[in-house]
């Protein structure tokens, strides 16, 4: 039987016990360190959980986009239409704030009123 060293992701302490299960069946853990601000946690709950609910094609597009590939490269590698990859980029852009000084919707610039 394999032994897994489980540590609290907040305080990195080893004083951790199993603490039931989530409704989806994942194991919960409880940090028993009294100074730890985080008490209950799941293993691997950051990146894996966020990616778990995504469709496979969207996940692959995202991974390649984070590697620095552009739309045409990703479409060629995954054998997808470039329009599909562009749609995934548009969906992902809705969840990210634009950099400072960049307009949210550049296709509709604000018009100045004509004086007079």
PDB file of N, CA and C in Angstrom:
ATOM      1  N   UNK A   1       0.844  -1.176   0.000  1.00  0.00           N
ATOM      2  CA  UNK A   1       0.000   0.000   0.000  1.00  0.00           C
ATOM      3  C   UNK A   1       0.891   1.242   0.000  1.00  0.00           C
ATOM      4  N   UNK A   2       0.544   2.207  -0.818  1.00  0.00           N
ATOM      5  CA  UNK A   2       1.315   3.441  -0.932  1.00  0.00           C
ATOM      6  C   UNK A   2       0.897   4.423   0.155  1.00  0.00           C
ATOM      7  N   UNK A   3       1.865   5.152   0.656  1.00  0.00           N
ATOM      8  CA  UNK A   3       1.608   6.171   1.660  1.00  0.00           C
ATOM      9  C   UNK A   3       1.813   7.537   1.011  1.00  0.00           C
ATOM     10  N   UNK A   4       0.819   8.408   1.146  1.00  0.00           N
ATOM     11  CA  UNK A   4       0.901   9.738   0.565  1.00  0.00           C
ATOM     12  C   UNK A   4       1.080  10.741   1.689  1.00  0.00           C
ATOM     13  N   UNK A   5       2.111  11.569   1.580  1.00  0.00           N
ATOM     14  CA  UNK A   5       2.355  12.619   2.562  1.00  0.00           C
ATOM     15  C   UNK A   5       1.441  13.800   2.230  1.00  0.00           C
ATOM     16  N   UNK A   6       0.392  13.982   3.013  1.00  0.00           N
ATOM     17  CA  UNK A   6      -0.569  15.045   2.757  1.00  0.00           C
ATOM     18  C   UNK A   6      -0.223  16.234   3.642  1.00  0.00           C
ATOM     19  N   UNK A   7      -0.103  17.397   3.004  1.00  0.00           N
ATOM     20  CA  UNK A   7       0.204  18.624   3.714  1.00  0.00           C
ATOM     21  C   UNK A   7      -0.875  19.652   3.424  1.00  0.00           C
ATOM     22  N   UNK A   8      -1.087  20.530   4.383  1.00  0.00           N
ATOM     23  CA  UNK A   8      -2.045  21.617   4.202  1.00  0.00           C
ATOM     24  C   UNK A   8      -1.482  22.596   3.174  1.00  0.00           C
ATOM     25  N   UNK A   9      -2.271  22.982   2.159  1.00  0.00           N
ATOM     26  CA  UNK A   9      -1.751  23.917   1.160  1.00  0.00           C
ATOM     27  C   UNK A   9      -1.523  25.328   1.703  1.00  0.00           C
ATOM     28  N   UNK A  10      -2.140  25.669   2.833  1.00  0.00           N
ATOM     29  CA  UNK A  10      -1.996  27.014   3.397  1.00  0.00           C
ATOM     30  C   UNK A  10      -0.775  27.122   4.309  1.00  0.00           C
ATOM     31  N   UNK A  11      -0.686  26.226   5.301  1.00  0.00           N
ATOM     32  CA  UNK A  11       0.394  26.327   6.284  1.00  0.00           C
ATOM     33  C   UNK A  11       1.501  25.295   6.074  1.00  0.00           C
ATOM     34  N   UNK A  12       1.322  24.381   5.131  1.00  0.00           N
ATOM     35  CA  UNK A  12       2.277  23.327   4.815  1.00  0.00           C
ATOM     36  C   UNK A  12       2.486  22.369   5.989  1.00  0.00           C
ATOM     37  N   UNK A  13       1.524  22.302   6.893  1.00  0.00           N
ATOM     38  CA  UNK A  13       1.619  21.426   8.052  1.00  0.00           C
ATOM     39  C   UNK A  13       1.216  20.000   7.724  1.00  0.00           C
ATOM     40  N   UNK A  14       1.698  19.064   8.561  1.00  0.00           N
ATOM     41  CA  UNK A  14       1.388  17.647   8.360  1.00  0.00           C
ATOM     42  C   UNK A  14       0.270  17.151   9.266  1.00  0.00           C
ATOM     43  N   UNK A  15      -0.241  17.998  10.118  1.00  0.00           N
ATOM     44  CA  UNK A  15      -1.284  17.597  11.056  1.00  0.00           C
ATOM     45  C   UNK A  15      -2.641  17.636  10.340  1.00  0.00           C
ATOM     46  N   UNK A  16      -2.848  16.682   9.439  1.00  0.00           N
ATOM     47  CA  UNK A  16      -4.011  16.648   8.567  1.00  0.00           C
ATOM     48  C   UNK A  16      -4.722  15.316   8.726  1.00  0.00           C
ATOM     49  N   UNK A  17      -6.051  15.353   8.779  1.00  0.00           N
ATOM     50  CA  UNK A  17      -6.856  14.135   8.836  1.00  0.00           C
ATOM     51  C   UNK A  17      -7.925  14.168   7.752  1.00  0.00           C
ATOM     52  N   UNK A  18      -8.417  12.984   7.394  1.00  0.00           N
ATOM     53  CA  UNK A  18      -9.514  12.933   6.426  1.00  0.00           C
ATOM     54  C   UNK A  18     -10.769  13.486   7.088  1.00  0.00           C
ATOM     55  N   UNK A  19     -11.600  14.184   6.292  1.00  0.00           N
ATOM     56  CA  UNK A  19     -12.749  14.892   6.860  1.00  0.00           C
ATOM     57  C   UNK A  19     -13.982  14.725   5.968  1.00  0.00           C
ATOM     58  N   UNK A  20     -14.295  13.495   5.622  1.00  0.00           N
ATOM     59  CA  UNK A  20     -15.490  13.231   4.833  1.00  0.00           C
ATOM     60  C   UNK A  20     -15.264  13.396   3.345  1.00  0.00           C
ATOM     61  N   UNK A  21     -16.374  13.468   2.613  1.00  0.00           N
ATOM     62  CA  UNK A  21     -16.305  13.579   1.153  1.00  0.00           C
ATOM     63  C   UNK A  21     -17.211  14.687   0.649  1.00  0.00           C
ATOM     64  N   UNK A  22     -16.849  15.214  -0.500  1.00  0.00           N
ATOM     65  CA  UNK A  22     -17.672  16.196  -1.194  1.00  0.00           C
ATOM     66  C   UNK A  22     -18.878  15.473  -1.809  1.00  0.00           C
ATOM     67  N   UNK A  23     -19.922  16.213  -2.201  1.00  0.00           N
ATOM     68  CA  UNK A  23     -21.053  15.567  -2.870  1.00  0.00           C
ATOM     69  C   UNK A  23     -20.656  14.844  -4.162  1.00  0.00           C
ATOM     70  N   UNK A  24     -19.581  15.298  -4.821  1.00  0.00           N
ATOM     71  CA  UNK A  24     -19.138  14.625  -6.043  1.00  0.00           C
ATOM     72  C   UNK A  24     -18.217  13.446  -5.767  1.00  0.00           C
ATOM     73  N   UNK A  25     -17.950  13.140  -4.488  1.00  0.00           N
ATOM     74  CA  UNK A  25     -17.161  11.974  -4.125  1.00  0.00           C
ATOM     75  C   UNK A  25     -15.702  12.244  -3.812  1.00  0.00           C
ATOM     76  N   UNK A  26     -15.229  13.463  -3.974  1.00  0.00           N
ATOM     77  CA  UNK A  26     -13.824  13.772  -3.693  1.00  0.00           C
ATOM     78  C   UNK A  26     -13.569  13.834  -2.193  1.00  0.00           C
ATOM     79  N   UNK A  27     -12.409  13.370  -1.783  1.00  0.00           N
ATOM     80  CA  UNK A  27     -12.030  13.329  -0.372  1.00  0.00           C
ATOM     81  C   UNK A  27     -11.705  14.724   0.149  1.00  0.00           C
ATOM     82  N   UNK A  28     -12.261  15.067   1.311  1.00  0.00           N
ATOM     83  CA  UNK A  28     -11.920  16.329   1.983  1.00  0.00           C
ATOM     84  C   UNK A  28     -10.925  16.039   3.090  1.00  0.00           C
ATOM     85  N   UNK A  29     -10.121  17.052   3.414  1.00  0.00           N
ATOM     86  CA  UNK A  29      -9.142  16.936   4.482  1.00  0.00           C
ATOM     87  C   UNK A  29      -9.282  18.123   5.419  1.00  0.00           C
ATOM     88  N   UNK A  30      -8.913  17.905   6.693  1.00  0.00           N
ATOM     89  CA  UNK A  30      -9.005  18.931   7.721  1.00  0.00           C
ATOM     90  C   UNK A  30      -7.618  19.171   8.298  1.00  0.00           C
ATOM     91  N   UNK A  31      -7.173  20.418   8.286  1.00  0.00           N
ATOM     92  CA  UNK A  31      -5.906  20.792   8.914  1.00  0.00           C
ATOM     93  C   UNK A  31      -6.190  21.051  10.387  1.00  0.00           C
ATOM     94  N   UNK A  32      -5.483  20.357  11.266  1.00  0.00           N
ATOM     95  CA  UNK A  32      -5.724  20.490  12.700  1.00  0.00           C
ATOM     96  C   UNK A  32      -4.758  21.453  13.379  1.00  0.00           C
ATOM     97  N   UNK A  33      -4.007  22.198  12.603  1.00  0.00           N
ATOM     98  CA  UNK A  33      -3.125  23.213  13.172  1.00  0.00           C
ATOM     99  C   UNK A  33      -3.990  24.389  13.617  1.00  0.00           C
ATOM    100  N   UNK A  34      -3.962  24.777  14.897  1.00  0.00           N
ATOM    101  CA  UNK A  34      -4.843  25.855  15.366  1.00  0.00           C
ATOM    102  C   UNK A  34      -4.516  27.224  14.774  1.00  0.00           C
ATOM    103  N   UNK A  35      -3.310  27.424  14.275  1.00  0.00           N
ATOM    104  CA  UNK A  35      -2.926  28.717  13.702  1.00  0.00           C
ATOM    105  C   UNK A  35      -3.193  28.809  12.202  1.00  0.00           C
ATOM    106  N   UNK A  36      -3.656  27.739  11.597  1.00  0.00           N
ATOM    107  CA  UNK A  36      -3.874  27.721  10.153  1.00  0.00           C
ATOM    108  C   UNK A  36      -5.181  28.440   9.811  1.00  0.00           C
ATOM    109  N   UNK A  37      -5.140  29.423   8.889  1.00  0.00           N
ATOM    110  CA  UNK A  37      -6.366  30.126   8.525  1.00  0.00           C
ATOM    111  C   UNK A  37      -7.301  29.299   7.648  1.00  0.00           C
ATOM    112  N   UNK A  38      -6.769  28.274   7.008  1.00  0.00           N
ATOM    113  CA  UNK A  38      -7.581  27.427   6.144  1.00  0.00           C
ATOM    114  C   UNK A  38      -7.747  26.084   6.829  1.00  0.00           C
ATOM    115  N   UNK A  39      -8.972  25.659   7.039  1.00  0.00           N
ATOM    116  CA  UNK A  39      -9.189  24.430   7.791  1.00  0.00           C
ATOM    117  C   UNK A  39      -9.472  23.236   6.883  1.00  0.00           C
ATOM    118  N   UNK A  40     -10.413  23.363   5.961  1.00  0.00           N
ATOM    119  CA  UNK A  40     -10.828  22.250   5.118  1.00  0.00           C
ATOM    120  C   UNK A  40     -10.310  22.489   3.702  1.00  0.00           C
ATOM    121  N   UNK A  41      -9.770  21.448   3.081  1.00  0.00           N
ATOM    122  CA  UNK A  41      -9.259  21.583   1.722  1.00  0.00           C
ATOM    123  C   UNK A  41      -9.383  20.262   0.980  1.00  0.00           C
ATOM    124  N   UNK A  42      -9.212  20.338  -0.342  1.00  0.00           N
ATOM    125  CA  UNK A  42      -9.191  19.173  -1.220  1.00  0.00           C
ATOM    126  C   UNK A  42      -7.810  19.065  -1.817  1.00  0.00           C
ATOM    127  N   UNK A  43      -7.371  17.862  -2.119  1.00  0.00           N
ATOM    128  CA  UNK A  43      -6.083  17.701  -2.787  1.00  0.00           C
ATOM    129  C   UNK A  43      -6.221  18.050  -4.253  1.00  0.00           C
ATOM    130  N   UNK A  44      -5.236  18.731  -4.802  1.00  0.00           N
ATOM    131  CA  UNK A  44      -5.225  19.060  -6.216  1.00  0.00           C
ATOM    132  C   UNK A  44      -6.411  19.893  -6.638  1.00  0.00           C
ATOM    133  N   UNK A  45      -6.857  20.785  -5.789  1.00  0.00           N
ATOM    134  CA  UNK A  45      -8.098  21.499  -6.070  1.00  0.00           C
ATOM    135  C   UNK A  45      -7.912  22.754  -6.904  1.00  0.00           C
ATOM    136  N   UNK A  46      -6.692  23.136  -7.233  1.00  0.00           N
ATOM    137  CA  UNK A  46      -6.531  24.392  -7.963  1.00  0.00           C
ATOM    138  C   UNK A  46      -6.662  24.208  -9.464  1.00  0.00           C
ATOM    139  N   UNK A  47      -5.646  23.719 -10.107  1.00  0.00           N
ATOM    140  CA  UNK A  47      -5.627  23.645 -11.569  1.00  0.00           C
ATOM    141  C   UNK A  47      -6.488  22.487 -12.095  1.00  0.00           C
ATOM    142  N   UNK A  48      -6.395  21.329 -11.482  1.00  0.00           N
ATOM    143  CA  UNK A  48      -7.099  20.170 -11.997  1.00  0.00           C
ATOM    144  C   UNK A  48      -8.609  20.348 -11.942  1.00  0.00           C
ATOM    145  N   UNK A  49      -9.110  20.929 -10.863  1.00  0.00           N
ATOM    146  CA  UNK A  49     -10.546  21.120 -10.733  1.00  0.00           C
ATOM    147  C   UNK A  49     -11.053  22.137 -11.737  1.00  0.00           C
ATOM    148  N   UNK A  50     -10.301  23.194 -11.957  1.00  0.00           N
ATOM    149  CA  UNK A  50     -10.722  24.209 -12.917  1.00  0.00           C
ATOM    150  C   UNK A  50     -10.747  23.651 -14.326  1.00  0.00           C
ATOM    151  N   UNK A  51      -9.816  22.792 -14.647  1.00  0.00           N
ATOM    152  CA  UNK A  51      -9.743  22.227 -15.986  1.00  0.00           C
ATOM    153  C   UNK A  51     -10.679  21.037 -16.163  1.00  0.00           C
ATOM    154  N   UNK A  52     -11.139  20.423 -15.073  1.00  0.00           N
ATOM    155  CA  UNK A  52     -11.926  19.200 -15.177  1.00  0.00           C
ATOM    156  C   UNK A  52     -13.262  19.405 -15.870  1.00  0.00           C
ATOM    157  N   UNK A  53     -13.905  20.544 -15.677  1.00  0.00           N
ATOM    158  CA  UNK A  53     -15.209  20.764 -16.261  1.00  0.00           C
ATOM    159  C   UNK A  53     -15.178  21.237 -17.706  1.00  0.00           C
ATOM    160  N   UNK A  54     -13.990  21.511 -18.249  1.00  0.00           N
ATOM    161  CA  UNK A  54     -13.868  22.020 -19.612  1.00  0.00           C
ATOM    162  C   UNK A  54     -13.900  20.888 -20.622  1.00  0.00           C
ATOM    163  N   UNK A  55     -14.491  21.145 -21.782  1.00  0.00           N
ATOM    164  CA  UNK A  55     -14.397  20.146 -22.853  1.00  0.00           C
ATOM    165  C   UNK A  55     -12.933  19.946 -23.262  1.00  0.00           C
ATOM    166  N   UNK A  56     -12.613  18.763 -23.787  1.00  0.00           N
ATOM    167  CA  UNK A  56     -11.235  18.413 -24.100  1.00  0.00           C
ATOM    168  C   UNK A  56     -10.633  19.377 -25.124  1.00  0.00           C
ATOM    169  N   UNK A  57     -11.381  19.703 -26.179  1.00  0.00           N
ATOM    170  CA  UNK A  57     -10.849  20.590 -27.218  1.00  0.00           C
ATOM    171  C   UNK A  57     -10.533  21.968 -26.647  1.00  0.00           C
ATOM    172  N   UNK A  58     -11.407  22.490 -25.779  1.00  0.00           N
ATOM    173  CA  UNK A  58     -11.173  23.807 -25.190  1.00  0.00           C
ATOM    174  C   UNK A  58      -9.949  23.765 -24.281  1.00  0.00           C
ATOM    175  N   UNK A  59      -9.781  22.684 -23.563  1.00  0.00           N
ATOM    176  CA  UNK A  59      -8.624  22.535 -22.686  1.00  0.00           C
ATOM    177  C   UNK A  59      -7.334  22.507 -23.502  1.00  0.00           C
ATOM    178  N   UNK A  60      -7.342  21.791 -24.624  1.00  0.00           N
ATOM    179  CA  UNK A  60      -6.155  21.724 -25.468  1.00  0.00           C
ATOM    180  C   UNK A  60      -5.834  23.085 -26.082  1.00  0.00           C
ATOM    181  N   UNK A  61      -6.860  23.803 -26.502  1.00  0.00           N
ATOM    182  CA  UNK A  61      -6.651  25.149 -27.055  1.00  0.00           C
ATOM    183  C   UNK A  61      -6.060  26.054 -25.985  1.00  0.00           C
ATOM    184  N   UNK A  62      -6.595  25.991 -24.785  1.00  0.00           N
ATOM    185  CA  UNK A  62      -6.103  26.825 -23.692  1.00  0.00           C
ATOM    186  C   UNK A  62      -4.649  26.517 -23.364  1.00  0.00           C
ATOM    187  N   UNK A  63      -4.301  25.239 -23.278  1.00  0.00           N
ATOM    188  CA  UNK A  63      -2.922  24.871 -22.961  1.00  0.00           C
ATOM    189  C   UNK A  63      -1.955  25.380 -24.027  1.00  0.00           C
ATOM    190  N   UNK A  64      -2.334  25.272 -25.286  1.00  0.00           N
ATOM    191  CA  UNK A  64      -1.460  25.742 -26.356  1.00  0.00           C
ATOM    192  C   UNK A  64      -1.406  27.271 -26.397  1.00  0.00           C
ATOM    193  N   UNK A  65      -2.512  27.919 -26.083  1.00  0.00           N
ATOM    194  CA  UNK A  65      -2.520  29.385 -26.059  1.00  0.00           C
ATOM    195  C   UNK A  65      -1.608  29.898 -24.951  1.00  0.00           C
ATOM    196  N   UNK A  66      -1.615  29.237 -23.813  1.00  0.00           N
ATOM    197  CA  UNK A  66      -0.742  29.641 -22.715  1.00  0.00           C
ATOM    198  C   UNK A  66       0.723  29.378 -23.033  1.00  0.00           C
ATOM    199  N   UNK A  67       0.983  28.478 -23.975  1.00  0.00           N
ATOM    200  CA  UNK A  67       2.354  28.210 -24.406  1.00  0.00           C
ATOM    201  C   UNK A  67       2.850  29.248 -25.391  1.00  0.00           C
ATOM    202  N   UNK A  68       1.945  30.117 -25.864  1.00  0.00           N
ATOM    203  CA  UNK A  68       2.355  31.188 -26.760  1.00  0.00           C
ATOM    204  C   UNK A  68       2.022  30.956 -28.216  1.00  0.00           C
ATOM    205  N   UNK A  69       1.301  29.892 -28.541  1.00  0.00           N
ATOM    206  CA  UNK A  69       0.932  29.638 -29.933  1.00  0.00           C
ATOM    207  C   UNK A  69      -0.186  30.580 -30.360  1.00  0.00           C
ATOM    208  N   UNK A  70      -0.210  30.899 -31.651  1.00  0.00           N
ATOM    209  CA  UNK A  70      -1.287  31.745 -32.147  1.00  0.00           C
ATOM    210  C   UNK A  70      -2.420  30.888 -32.701  1.00  0.00           C
ATOM    211  N   UNK A  71      -3.475  31.536 -33.170  1.00  0.00           N
ATOM    212  CA  UNK A  71      -4.689  30.832 -33.592  1.00  0.00           C
ATOM    213  C   UNK A  71      -4.402  29.849 -34.728  1.00  0.00           C
ATOM    214  N   UNK A  72      -3.639  30.278 -35.724  1.00  0.00           N
ATOM    215  CA  UNK A  72      -3.376  29.412 -36.875  1.00  0.00           C
ATOM    216  C   UNK A  72      -2.577  28.172 -36.475  1.00  0.00           C
ATOM    217  N   UNK A  73      -1.568  28.346 -35.607  1.00  0.00           N
ATOM    218  CA  UNK A  73      -0.770  27.207 -35.152  1.00  0.00           C
ATOM    219  C   UNK A  73      -1.624  26.205 -34.386  1.00  0.00           C
ATOM    220  N   UNK A  74      -2.461  26.716 -33.491  1.00  0.00           N
ATOM    221  CA  UNK A  74      -3.314  25.835 -32.692  1.00  0.00           C
ATOM    222  C   UNK A  74      -4.296  25.088 -33.582  1.00  0.00           C
ATOM    223  N   UNK A  75      -4.903  25.786 -34.534  1.00  0.00           N
ATOM    224  CA  UNK A  75      -5.856  25.152 -35.439  1.00  0.00           C
ATOM    225  C   UNK A  75      -5.178  24.056 -36.254  1.00  0.00           C
ATOM    226  N   UNK A  76      -3.959  24.302 -36.713  1.00  0.00           N
ATOM    227  CA  UNK A  76      -3.229  23.305 -37.504  1.00  0.00           C
ATOM    228  C   UNK A  76      -2.864  22.096 -36.645  1.00  0.00           C
ATOM    229  N   UNK A  77      -2.381  22.329 -35.407  1.00  0.00           N
ATOM    230  CA  UNK A  77      -1.976  21.224 -34.535  1.00  0.00           C
ATOM    231  C   UNK A  77      -3.153  20.344 -34.134  1.00  0.00           C
ATOM    232  N   UNK A  78      -4.278  20.973 -33.811  1.00  0.00           N
ATOM    233  CA  UNK A  78      -5.438  20.222 -33.327  1.00  0.00           C
ATOM    234  C   UNK A  78      -6.395  19.810 -34.441  1.00  0.00           C
ATOM    235  N   UNK A  79      -6.085  20.225 -35.662  1.00  0.00           N
ATOM    236  CA  UNK A  79      -6.931  19.930 -36.818  1.00  0.00           C
ATOM    237  C   UNK A  79      -8.358  20.428 -36.603  1.00  0.00           C
ATOM    238  N   UNK A  80      -8.436  21.683 -36.154  1.00  0.00           N
ATOM    239  CA  UNK A  80      -9.718  22.355 -35.944  1.00  0.00           C
ATOM    240  C   UNK A  80      -9.792  23.547 -36.887  1.00  0.00           C
ATOM    241  N   UNK A  81     -11.001  23.989 -37.219  1.00  0.00           N
ATOM    242  CA  UNK A  81     -11.108  25.218 -38.007  1.00  0.00           C
ATOM    243  C   UNK A  81     -10.599  26.410 -37.194  1.00  0.00           C
ATOM    244  N   UNK A  82      -9.966  27.356 -37.862  1.00  0.00           N
ATOM    245  CA  UNK A  82      -9.439  28.537 -37.178  1.00  0.00           C
ATOM    246  C   UNK A  82     -10.562  29.337 -36.524  1.00  0.00           C
ATOM    247  N   UNK A  83     -11.760  29.294 -37.109  1.00  0.00           N
ATOM    248  CA  UNK A  83     -12.885  30.016 -36.513  1.00  0.00           C
ATOM    249  C   UNK A  83     -13.274  29.419 -35.167  1.00  0.00           C
ATOM    250  N   UNK A  84     -13.171  28.100 -35.036  1.00  0.00           N
ATOM    251  CA  UNK A  84     -13.482  27.455 -33.755  1.00  0.00           C
ATOM    252  C   UNK A  84     -12.481  27.872 -32.691  1.00  0.00           C
ATOM    253  N   UNK A  85     -11.204  27.898 -33.053  1.00  0.00           N
ATOM    254  CA  UNK A  85     -10.167  28.304 -32.104  1.00  0.00           C
ATOM    255  C   UNK A  85     -10.366  29.767 -31.718  1.00  0.00           C
ATOM    256  N   UNK A  86     -10.731  30.605 -32.688  1.00  0.00           N
ATOM    257  CA  UNK A  86     -10.979  32.018 -32.397  1.00  0.00           C
ATOM    258  C   UNK A  86     -12.167  32.178 -31.455  1.00  0.00           C
ATOM    259  N   UNK A  87     -13.199  31.347 -31.603  1.00  0.00           N
ATOM    260  CA  UNK A  87     -14.345  31.403 -30.692  1.00  0.00           C
ATOM    261  C   UNK A  87     -13.935  31.047 -29.272  1.00  0.00           C
ATOM    262  N   UNK A  88     -13.053  30.059 -29.121  1.00  0.00           N
ATOM    263  CA  UNK A  88     -12.563  29.698 -27.785  1.00  0.00           C
ATOM    264  C   UNK A  88     -11.799  30.871 -27.185  1.00  0.00           C
ATOM    265  N   UNK A  89     -10.972  31.547 -27.986  1.00  0.00           N
ATOM    266  CA  UNK A  89     -10.248  32.723 -27.505  1.00  0.00           C
ATOM    267  C   UNK A  89     -11.225  33.802 -27.048  1.00  0.00           C
ATOM    268  N   UNK A  90     -12.314  33.991 -27.790  1.00  0.00           N
ATOM    269  CA  UNK A  90     -13.301  35.001 -27.419  1.00  0.00           C
ATOM    270  C   UNK A  90     -13.994  34.647 -26.113  1.00  0.00           C
ATOM    271  N   UNK A  91     -14.311  33.368 -25.932  1.00  0.00           N
ATOM    272  CA  UNK A  91     -14.942  32.932 -24.681  1.00  0.00           C
ATOM    273  C   UNK A  91     -13.991  33.161 -23.516  1.00  0.00           C
ATOM    274  N   UNK A  92     -12.730  32.798 -23.694  1.00  0.00           N
ATOM    275  CA  UNK A  92     -11.744  32.980 -22.625  1.00  0.00           C
ATOM    276  C   UNK A  92     -11.489  34.448 -22.333  1.00  0.00           C
ATOM    277  N   UNK A  93     -11.584  35.300 -23.349  1.00  0.00           N
ATOM    278  CA  UNK A  93     -11.350  36.734 -23.152  1.00  0.00           C
ATOM    279  C   UNK A  93     -12.432  37.356 -22.281  1.00  0.00           C
ATOM    280  N   UNK A  94     -13.615  36.773 -22.258  1.00  0.00           N
ATOM    281  CA  UNK A  94     -14.685  37.309 -21.403  1.00  0.00           C
ATOM    282  C   UNK A  94     -14.355  37.187 -19.929  1.00  0.00           C
ATOM    283  N   UNK A  95     -13.520  36.220 -19.579  1.00  0.00           N
ATOM    284  CA  UNK A  95     -13.192  35.973 -18.179  1.00  0.00           C
ATOM    285  C   UNK A  95     -11.939  36.693 -17.723  1.00  0.00           C
ATOM    286  N   UNK A  96     -11.239  37.322 -18.631  1.00  0.00           N
ATOM    287  CA  UNK A  96     -10.010  38.033 -18.292  1.00  0.00           C
ATOM    288  C   UNK A  96     -10.222  39.523 -18.455  1.00  0.00           C
ATOM    289  N   UNK A  97      -9.733  40.287 -17.511  1.00  0.00           N
ATOM    290  CA  UNK A  97      -9.816  41.745 -17.606  1.00  0.00           C
ATOM    291  C   UNK A  97      -8.776  42.230 -18.610  1.00  0.00           C
ATOM    292  N   UNK A  98      -9.110  43.222 -19.412  1.00  0.00           N
ATOM    293  CA  UNK A  98      -8.120  43.744 -20.365  1.00  0.00           C
ATOM    294  C   UNK A  98      -7.032  44.498 -19.617  1.00  0.00           C
ATOM    295  N   UNK A  99      -5.835  44.597 -20.209  1.00  0.00           N
ATOM    296  CA  UNK A  99      -4.759  45.358 -19.561  1.00  0.00           C
ATOM    297  C   UNK A  99      -5.157  46.824 -19.403  1.00  0.00           C
ATOM    298  N   UNK A 100      -4.516  47.499 -18.485  1.00  0.00           N
ATOM    299  CA  UNK A 100      -4.826  48.905 -18.228  1.00  0.00           C
ATOM    300  C   UNK A 100      -4.622  49.726 -19.491  1.00  0.00           C
ATOM    301  N   UNK A 101      -5.580  50.587 -19.783  1.00  0.00           N
ATOM    302  CA  UNK A 101      -5.486  51.457 -20.935  1.00  0.00           C
ATOM    303  C   UNK A 101      -6.045  50.873 -22.213  1.00  0.00           C
ATOM    304  N   UNK A 102      -6.521  49.624 -22.177  1.00  0.00           N
ATOM    305  CA  UNK A 102      -7.064  48.986 -23.372  1.00  0.00           C
ATOM    306  C   UNK A 102      -8.578  49.006 -23.276  1.00  0.00           C
ATOM    307  N   UNK A 103      -9.241  49.440 -24.352  1.00  0.00           N
ATOM    308  CA  UNK A 103     -10.703  49.492 -24.375  1.00  0.00           C
ATOM    309  C   UNK A 103     -11.263  48.082 -24.391  1.00  0.00           C
ATOM    310  N   UNK A 104     -12.384  47.872 -23.739  1.00  0.00           N
ATOM    311  CA  UNK A 104     -13.000  46.551 -23.666  1.00  0.00           C
ATOM    312  C   UNK A 104     -13.546  46.106 -25.020  1.00  0.00           C
ATOM    313  N   UNK A 105     -14.162  47.029 -25.774  1.00  0.00           N
ATOM    314  CA  UNK A 105     -14.734  46.696 -27.063  1.00  0.00           C
ATOM    315  C   UNK A 105     -14.188  47.671 -28.101  1.00  0.00           C
ATOM    316  N   UNK A 106     -13.052  47.352 -28.727  1.00  0.00           N
ATOM    317  CA  UNK A 106     -12.437  48.302 -29.645  1.00  0.00           C
ATOM    318  C   UNK A 106     -13.234  48.522 -30.927  1.00  0.00           C
ATOM    319  N   UNK A 107     -14.200  47.675 -31.233  1.00  0.00           N
ATOM    320  CA  UNK A 107     -14.955  47.839 -32.473  1.00  0.00           C
ATOM    321  C   UNK A 107     -15.975  48.964 -32.386  1.00  0.00           C
ATOM    322  N   UNK A 108     -16.284  49.430 -31.186  1.00  0.00           N
ATOM    323  CA  UNK A 108     -17.238  50.527 -31.057  1.00  0.00           C
ATOM    324  C   UNK A 108     -16.634  51.659 -30.216  1.00  0.00           C
ATOM    325  N   UNK A 109     -15.758  52.472 -30.835  1.00  0.00           N
ATOM    326  CA  UNK A 109     -15.135  53.559 -30.076  1.00  0.00           C
ATOM    327  C   UNK A 109     -16.152  54.632 -29.708  1.00  0.00           C
ATOM    328  N   UNK A 110     -15.859  55.328 -28.646  1.00  0.00           N
ATOM    329  CA  UNK A 110     -16.755  56.409 -28.231  1.00  0.00           C
ATOM    330  C   UNK A 110     -16.610  57.590 -29.176  1.00  0.00           C
ATOM    331  N   UNK A 111     -17.723  58.165 -29.517  1.00  0.00           N
ATOM    332  CA  UNK A 111     -17.714  59.298 -30.439  1.00  0.00           C
ATOM    333  C   UNK A 111     -17.859  60.583 -29.642  1.00  0.00           C
ATOM    334  N   UNK A 112     -17.120  61.572 -30.087  1.00  0.00           N
ATOM    335  CA  UNK A 112     -17.238  62.879 -29.447  1.00  0.00           C
ATOM    336  C   UNK A 112     -18.414  63.626 -30.081  1.00  0.00           C
ATOM    337  N   UNK A 113     -19.063  64.385 -29.270  1.00  0.00           N
ATOM    338  CA  UNK A 113     -20.154  65.206 -29.788  1.00  0.00           C
ATOM    339  C   UNK A 113     -19.611  66.380 -30.574  1.00  0.00           C
ATOM    340  N   UNK A 114     -20.245  66.625 -31.667  1.00  0.00           N
ATOM    341  CA  UNK A 114     -19.840  67.786 -32.453  1.00  0.00           C
ATOM    342  C   UNK A 114     -20.391  69.040 -31.773  1.00  0.00           C
ATOM    343  N   UNK A 115     -19.506  69.986 -31.521  1.00  0.00           N
ATOM    344  CA  UNK A 115     -19.975  71.203 -30.859  1.00  0.00           C
ATOM    345  C   UNK A 115     -20.488  72.174 -31.912  1.00  0.00           C
ATOM    346  N   UNK A 116     -21.615  72.788 -31.583  1.00  0.00           N
ATOM    347  CA  UNK A 116     -22.110  73.802 -32.476  1.00  0.00           C
ATOM    348  C   UNK A 116     -23.419  73.589 -32.988  1.00  0.00           C
TER     349      UNK A 116
END
